[in-house]
């Protein structure tokens, strides 16, 4: 199927709206979150795609892929635990500083 130059231009104009809208919405939402939260959320999309591919479309999921997947999420678990511990320490330190000020 051949398109004229004006038809190609119209297709591009239509497609750019479908591309630009999610990017703008993501940008607006990402500015309101911590960067660590945004990074964690960005791991969810590929994970959901993997689950969809394996469960719905029957893609093969070998042992080496499973081990790699598990190691990535293990690293994320370590990072999350460390971030929570740092937050707890910071909160504890702030409460001690407030007590000393009183």
Protein backbone atom coordinates (compact mmCIF):
# COMPACT_ATOMS: atom_id res chain seq x y z
CA UNK A 1 0.00 0.00 0.00
CA UNK A 2 1.43 3.35 -1.02
CA UNK A 3 0.71 6.59 0.74
CA UNK A 4 1.05 10.07 -0.61
CA UNK A 5 3.21 12.61 1.18
CA UNK A 6 0.18 14.32 2.70
CA UNK A 7 -1.23 10.99 3.93
CA UNK A 8 2.10 10.12 5.54
CA UNK A 9 2.14 13.51 7.22
CA UNK A 10 -1.35 12.97 8.63
CA UNK A 11 -0.41 9.51 9.92
CA UNK A 12 2.63 10.96 11.66
CA UNK A 13 0.53 13.72 13.21
CA UNK A 14 -1.93 11.14 14.53
CA UNK A 15 0.75 8.81 15.87
CA UNK A 16 2.67 11.57 17.62
CA UNK A 17 -0.35 12.30 19.81
CA UNK A 18 -0.49 8.68 20.92
CA UNK A 19 3.22 8.76 21.69
CA UNK A 20 3.41 12.16 23.34
CA UNK A 21 0.43 11.84 25.70
CA UNK A 22 1.76 8.95 27.85
CA UNK A 23 5.20 10.56 27.98
CA UNK A 24 3.78 13.84 29.23
CA UNK A 25 1.60 12.10 31.82
CA UNK A 26 4.59 10.07 33.02
CA UNK A 27 6.67 13.25 33.27
CA UNK A 28 4.00 14.98 35.37
CA UNK A 29 3.66 11.98 37.69
CA UNK A 30 7.41 11.39 37.99
CA UNK A 31 8.03 14.92 39.20
CA UNK A 32 5.84 14.23 42.23
CA UNK A 33 7.64 11.04 43.28
CA UNK A 34 11.07 10.22 44.67
CA UNK A 35 13.49 9.05 42.00
CA UNK A 36 13.91 5.73 43.81
CA UNK A 37 10.15 5.19 43.60
CA UNK A 38 10.14 5.99 39.89
CA UNK A 39 13.01 3.56 39.33
CA UNK A 40 11.21 0.81 41.19
CA UNK A 41 8.01 1.39 39.23
CA UNK A 42 9.96 1.14 35.99
CA UNK A 43 10.85 -2.44 36.91
CA UNK A 44 7.18 -3.33 37.17
CA UNK A 45 6.33 -2.76 33.49
CA UNK A 46 8.86 -5.28 32.10
CA UNK A 47 7.90 -7.72 34.84
CA UNK A 48 4.23 -7.48 33.90
CA UNK A 49 5.15 -7.94 30.24
CA UNK A 50 7.15 -11.04 31.14
CA UNK A 51 4.26 -12.51 33.09
CA UNK A 52 1.89 -11.74 30.22
CA UNK A 53 4.26 -13.31 27.67
CA UNK A 54 4.77 -16.48 29.69
CA UNK A 55 1.25 -17.02 31.04
CA UNK A 56 -0.94 -15.73 28.21
CA UNK A 57 1.17 -16.18 25.08
CA UNK A 58 3.08 -19.29 26.15
CA UNK A 59 6.59 -17.91 25.67
CA UNK A 60 9.31 -20.27 26.89
CA UNK A 61 10.83 -19.36 30.25
CA UNK A 62 14.00 -21.36 30.79
CA UNK A 63 15.93 -21.87 34.01
CA UNK A 64 18.64 -19.38 33.09
CA UNK A 65 16.03 -16.70 32.42
CA UNK A 66 14.32 -17.50 35.71
CA UNK A 67 17.62 -17.21 37.59
CA UNK A 68 18.42 -13.88 35.96
CA UNK A 69 14.94 -12.59 36.73
CA UNK A 70 15.25 -13.73 40.35
CA UNK A 71 18.66 -12.06 40.76
CA UNK A 72 17.35 -8.74 39.44
CA UNK A 73 14.46 -8.80 41.89
CA UNK A 74 16.75 -9.92 44.70
CA UNK A 75 18.89 -6.85 44.03
CA UNK A 76 15.76 -4.70 44.12
CA UNK A 77 14.77 -6.28 47.42
CA UNK A 78 18.19 -5.43 48.91
CA UNK A 79 17.90 -1.88 47.64
CA UNK A 80 14.38 -1.51 49.07
CA UNK A 81 15.36 -2.88 52.48
CA UNK A 82 18.36 -0.55 52.60
CA UNK A 83 16.20 2.47 51.67
CA UNK A 84 13.66 1.57 54.37
CA UNK A 85 16.39 1.17 56.98
CA UNK A 86 17.90 4.53 56.03
CA UNK A 87 14.51 6.19 56.32
CA UNK A 88 13.97 4.62 59.73
CA UNK A 89 17.39 5.79 60.93
CA UNK A 90 16.75 9.30 59.64
CA UNK A 91 13.35 9.44 61.34
CA UNK A 92 14.85 8.13 64.59
CA UNK A 93 17.68 10.69 64.40
CA UNK A 94 15.22 13.54 63.79
CA UNK A 95 13.08 12.53 66.76
CA UNK A 96 16.19 12.48 69.01
CA UNK A 97 17.18 15.93 67.77
CA UNK A 98 13.67 17.24 68.54
CA UNK A 99 13.79 15.75 72.03
CA UNK A 100 17.11 17.48 72.71
CA UNK A 101 15.71 20.79 71.53
CA UNK A 102 12.82 20.64 74.01
